[in-house]
N, C-alpha and C. Protein backbone atom coordinates (compact mmCIF):
# COMPACT_ATOMS: atom_id res chain seq x y z
N MET A 1 -115.62 141.41 -144.10
CA MET A 1 -116.97 141.53 -143.61
C MET A 1 -117.15 142.92 -142.96
N VAL A 2 -118.31 143.47 -143.10
CA VAL A 2 -118.59 144.82 -142.61
C VAL A 2 -119.03 144.76 -141.15
N GLU A 3 -118.51 145.67 -140.36
CA GLU A 3 -118.81 145.74 -138.93
C GLU A 3 -120.04 146.62 -138.69
N VAL A 4 -121.00 146.12 -137.94
CA VAL A 4 -122.18 146.90 -137.58
C VAL A 4 -121.84 147.71 -136.33
N LYS A 5 -122.15 149.01 -136.38
CA LYS A 5 -121.81 149.92 -135.28
C LYS A 5 -123.09 150.38 -134.58
N ILE A 6 -122.92 150.93 -133.40
CA ILE A 6 -124.05 151.48 -132.64
C ILE A 6 -123.92 153.00 -132.64
N PHE A 7 -125.01 153.68 -133.00
CA PHE A 7 -125.02 155.13 -133.05
C PHE A 7 -126.09 155.66 -132.09
N ARG A 8 -125.75 156.76 -131.42
CA ARG A 8 -126.72 157.47 -130.58
C ARG A 8 -127.05 158.77 -131.31
N VAL A 9 -128.34 158.96 -131.60
CA VAL A 9 -128.80 160.14 -132.34
C VAL A 9 -129.66 160.98 -131.40
N GLU A 10 -129.30 162.25 -131.27
CA GLU A 10 -130.05 163.18 -130.42
C GLU A 10 -130.59 164.30 -131.29
N GLY A 11 -131.79 164.76 -130.95
CA GLY A 11 -132.37 165.84 -131.73
C GLY A 11 -133.69 166.32 -131.17
N LEU A 12 -134.40 167.08 -132.01
CA LEU A 12 -135.70 167.65 -131.65
C LEU A 12 -136.69 167.33 -132.76
N MET A 13 -137.95 167.11 -132.38
CA MET A 13 -139.00 166.93 -133.38
C MET A 13 -140.18 167.80 -133.00
N LEU A 14 -140.82 168.37 -134.00
CA LEU A 14 -141.94 169.27 -133.78
C LEU A 14 -143.21 168.45 -133.61
N ILE A 15 -143.76 168.50 -132.40
CA ILE A 15 -145.01 167.80 -132.10
C ILE A 15 -146.12 168.84 -132.14
N ALA A 16 -147.03 168.70 -133.09
CA ALA A 16 -148.12 169.67 -133.24
C ALA A 16 -149.35 169.13 -132.52
N THR A 17 -149.58 169.64 -131.33
CA THR A 17 -150.77 169.25 -130.57
C THR A 17 -151.73 170.43 -130.58
N GLY A 18 -152.64 170.43 -131.52
CA GLY A 18 -153.62 171.52 -131.63
C GLY A 18 -152.97 172.82 -132.06
N LYS A 19 -153.27 173.88 -131.33
CA LYS A 19 -152.76 175.20 -131.69
C LYS A 19 -151.40 175.49 -131.09
N LEU A 20 -150.90 174.62 -130.21
CA LEU A 20 -149.64 174.87 -129.53
C LEU A 20 -148.58 173.83 -129.91
N PRO A 21 -147.94 174.01 -131.05
CA PRO A 21 -146.87 173.06 -131.38
C PRO A 21 -145.67 173.28 -130.47
N ARG A 22 -144.94 172.19 -130.18
CA ARG A 22 -143.77 172.30 -129.31
C ARG A 22 -142.67 171.37 -129.82
N TRP A 23 -141.44 171.71 -129.51
CA TRP A 23 -140.30 170.90 -129.88
C TRP A 23 -140.02 169.90 -128.76
N GLN A 24 -140.04 168.62 -129.11
CA GLN A 24 -139.80 167.54 -128.15
C GLN A 24 -138.42 166.95 -128.38
N LYS A 25 -137.63 166.84 -127.32
CA LYS A 25 -136.29 166.26 -127.42
C LYS A 25 -136.40 164.74 -127.52
N PHE A 26 -135.48 164.12 -128.29
CA PHE A 26 -135.43 162.66 -128.36
C PHE A 26 -133.99 162.19 -128.39
N VAL A 27 -133.77 160.98 -127.90
CA VAL A 27 -132.48 160.30 -127.97
C VAL A 27 -132.79 158.87 -128.40
N VAL A 28 -132.21 158.45 -129.53
CA VAL A 28 -132.46 157.12 -130.08
C VAL A 28 -131.13 156.44 -130.35
N GLU A 29 -131.05 155.16 -130.03
CA GLU A 29 -129.87 154.36 -130.36
C GLU A 29 -130.26 153.37 -131.44
N VAL A 30 -129.44 153.29 -132.48
CA VAL A 30 -129.70 152.37 -133.59
C VAL A 30 -128.42 151.65 -133.98
N ARG A 31 -128.58 150.49 -134.60
CA ARG A 31 -127.46 149.74 -135.16
C ARG A 31 -127.46 149.99 -136.66
N ALA A 32 -126.32 150.40 -137.19
CA ALA A 32 -126.22 150.69 -138.62
C ALA A 32 -124.78 150.50 -139.07
N LEU A 33 -124.59 150.45 -140.38
CA LEU A 33 -123.25 150.27 -140.93
C LEU A 33 -122.46 151.57 -140.94
N ASN A 34 -123.17 152.70 -141.15
CA ASN A 34 -122.49 153.99 -141.17
C ASN A 34 -123.44 155.09 -140.68
N ARG A 35 -122.92 156.30 -140.60
CA ARG A 35 -123.68 157.44 -140.06
C ARG A 35 -124.91 157.75 -140.90
N ASP A 36 -124.78 157.69 -142.23
CA ASP A 36 -125.90 158.01 -143.11
C ASP A 36 -127.06 157.03 -142.93
N GLN A 37 -126.74 155.75 -142.81
CA GLN A 37 -127.79 154.76 -142.60
C GLN A 37 -128.47 154.94 -141.25
N ALA A 38 -127.71 155.34 -140.24
CA ALA A 38 -128.29 155.59 -138.91
C ALA A 38 -129.27 156.76 -138.98
N LEU A 39 -128.89 157.83 -139.67
CA LEU A 39 -129.79 158.99 -139.81
C LEU A 39 -131.06 158.61 -140.56
N GLU A 40 -130.92 157.87 -141.65
CA GLU A 40 -132.07 157.46 -142.44
C GLU A 40 -133.02 156.60 -141.61
N LEU A 41 -132.47 155.69 -140.82
CA LEU A 41 -133.30 154.83 -139.98
C LEU A 41 -134.06 155.64 -138.92
N VAL A 42 -133.40 156.61 -138.31
CA VAL A 42 -134.05 157.44 -137.29
C VAL A 42 -135.15 158.29 -137.92
N LEU A 43 -134.88 158.92 -139.05
CA LEU A 43 -135.89 159.74 -139.71
C LEU A 43 -137.09 158.90 -140.13
N SER A 44 -136.84 157.73 -140.66
CA SER A 44 -137.92 156.84 -141.09
C SER A 44 -138.75 156.36 -139.90
N THR A 45 -138.09 155.99 -138.82
CA THR A 45 -138.80 155.48 -137.64
C THR A 45 -139.65 156.57 -136.99
N LEU A 46 -139.08 157.75 -136.80
CA LEU A 46 -139.84 158.84 -136.18
C LEU A 46 -141.00 159.28 -137.06
N GLY A 47 -140.77 159.32 -138.36
CA GLY A 47 -141.84 159.70 -139.28
C GLY A 47 -142.98 158.70 -139.27
N GLY A 48 -142.65 157.43 -139.21
CA GLY A 48 -143.69 156.40 -139.20
C GLY A 48 -144.40 156.28 -137.87
N ARG A 49 -143.66 156.37 -136.79
CA ARG A 49 -144.24 156.16 -135.46
C ARG A 49 -145.03 157.37 -134.97
N HIS A 50 -144.52 158.58 -135.24
CA HIS A 50 -145.14 159.79 -134.71
C HIS A 50 -145.77 160.68 -135.79
N LYS A 51 -145.72 160.25 -137.04
CA LYS A 51 -146.28 161.01 -138.17
C LYS A 51 -145.67 162.41 -138.26
N VAL A 52 -144.35 162.48 -138.07
CA VAL A 52 -143.62 163.74 -138.14
C VAL A 52 -142.91 163.80 -139.49
N LYS A 53 -143.06 164.91 -140.20
CA LYS A 53 -142.37 165.07 -141.47
C LYS A 53 -140.88 165.28 -141.23
N ARG A 54 -140.07 164.89 -142.20
CA ARG A 54 -138.61 165.01 -142.07
C ARG A 54 -138.17 166.46 -141.88
N ALA A 55 -138.91 167.38 -142.45
CA ALA A 55 -138.58 168.80 -142.30
C ALA A 55 -138.78 169.28 -140.86
N ASN A 56 -139.59 168.55 -140.08
CA ASN A 56 -139.86 168.92 -138.70
C ASN A 56 -139.01 168.14 -137.70
N ILE A 57 -137.94 167.52 -138.18
CA ILE A 57 -137.01 166.81 -137.31
C ILE A 57 -135.65 167.47 -137.44
N LYS A 58 -135.09 167.92 -136.32
CA LYS A 58 -133.76 168.53 -136.31
C LYS A 58 -132.81 167.59 -135.59
N ILE A 59 -131.78 167.15 -136.29
CA ILE A 59 -130.77 166.28 -135.70
C ILE A 59 -129.69 167.17 -135.09
N LEU A 60 -129.44 167.02 -133.79
CA LEU A 60 -128.44 167.83 -133.11
C LEU A 60 -127.08 167.14 -133.05
N LYS A 61 -127.09 165.83 -132.80
CA LYS A 61 -125.82 165.13 -132.63
C LYS A 61 -125.97 163.67 -133.02
N VAL A 62 -124.97 163.16 -133.74
CA VAL A 62 -124.88 161.74 -134.07
C VAL A 62 -123.49 161.28 -133.66
N GLU A 63 -123.43 160.27 -132.79
CA GLU A 63 -122.13 159.79 -132.35
C GLU A 63 -122.12 158.27 -132.30
N GLU A 64 -120.98 157.71 -132.64
CA GLU A 64 -120.80 156.27 -132.52
C GLU A 64 -120.41 155.96 -131.08
N ILE A 65 -121.05 154.95 -130.50
CA ILE A 65 -120.79 154.62 -129.10
C ILE A 65 -120.40 153.15 -128.99
N PRO A 66 -119.63 152.80 -127.95
CA PRO A 66 -119.33 151.39 -127.72
C PRO A 66 -120.56 150.67 -127.15
N PRO A 67 -120.65 149.37 -127.31
CA PRO A 67 -121.83 148.63 -126.82
C PRO A 67 -122.07 148.78 -125.31
N GLU A 68 -121.02 149.01 -124.53
CA GLU A 68 -121.17 149.14 -123.09
C GLU A 68 -121.94 150.40 -122.69
N GLU A 69 -121.90 151.44 -123.52
CA GLU A 69 -122.57 152.70 -123.21
C GLU A 69 -124.03 152.73 -123.65
N ALA A 70 -124.48 151.73 -124.38
CA ALA A 70 -125.86 151.71 -124.87
C ALA A 70 -126.83 151.52 -123.71
N PHE A 71 -127.94 152.27 -123.71
CA PHE A 71 -128.93 152.13 -122.65
C PHE A 71 -130.08 151.22 -123.07
N ASP A 72 -130.20 150.91 -124.35
CA ASP A 72 -131.25 150.02 -124.85
C ASP A 72 -130.78 148.57 -124.69
N LYS A 73 -131.53 147.76 -123.95
CA LYS A 73 -131.10 146.39 -123.67
C LYS A 73 -131.06 145.53 -124.93
N HIS A 74 -131.94 145.80 -125.89
CA HIS A 74 -131.94 145.01 -127.13
C HIS A 74 -130.68 145.28 -127.96
N ILE A 75 -130.23 146.52 -127.96
CA ILE A 75 -129.00 146.88 -128.67
C ILE A 75 -127.81 146.18 -128.01
N LYS A 76 -127.76 146.17 -126.69
CA LYS A 76 -126.68 145.51 -125.96
C LYS A 76 -126.65 144.02 -126.27
N GLU A 77 -127.82 143.38 -126.26
CA GLU A 77 -127.89 141.95 -126.52
C GLU A 77 -127.46 141.62 -127.94
N MET A 78 -127.88 142.43 -128.90
CA MET A 78 -127.49 142.19 -130.30
C MET A 78 -125.99 142.38 -130.49
N ALA A 79 -125.40 143.33 -129.78
CA ALA A 79 -123.97 143.59 -129.90
C ALA A 79 -123.14 142.46 -129.30
N SER A 80 -123.69 141.77 -128.31
CA SER A 80 -122.92 140.70 -127.66
C SER A 80 -122.98 139.38 -128.41
N LEU A 81 -123.84 139.27 -129.42
CA LEU A 81 -123.95 138.02 -130.18
C LEU A 81 -122.70 137.80 -131.03
N THR A 82 -122.25 136.57 -131.08
CA THR A 82 -121.11 136.24 -131.94
C THR A 82 -121.56 135.61 -133.24
N LYS A 83 -122.70 134.90 -133.21
CA LYS A 83 -123.26 134.35 -134.44
C LYS A 83 -124.77 134.23 -134.28
N MET A 84 -125.47 134.15 -135.42
CA MET A 84 -126.91 134.05 -135.40
C MET A 84 -127.33 132.96 -136.38
N VAL A 85 -128.16 132.05 -135.92
CA VAL A 85 -128.66 130.97 -136.76
C VAL A 85 -130.12 131.25 -137.06
N ILE A 86 -130.43 131.26 -138.35
CA ILE A 86 -131.81 131.57 -138.76
C ILE A 86 -132.47 130.32 -139.27
């Protein structure tokens, strides 16, 4: 069985507010099977939520973290589950 890991992705996204575009820092934690899936999920989420094109997102760091270091409470709760009944 494949283990789901927690990744912390840090980067910058170009927020164009009128004539003064600026780079906004972001830190996102996601659950994914590998690094590539984590990047794809972050790019998709930021593009959909903030209408930012992928070319305007710069990924600075992607690291796998243990569940104890996660700051998102939903990620922590999902990591502590042993089984899920649907």
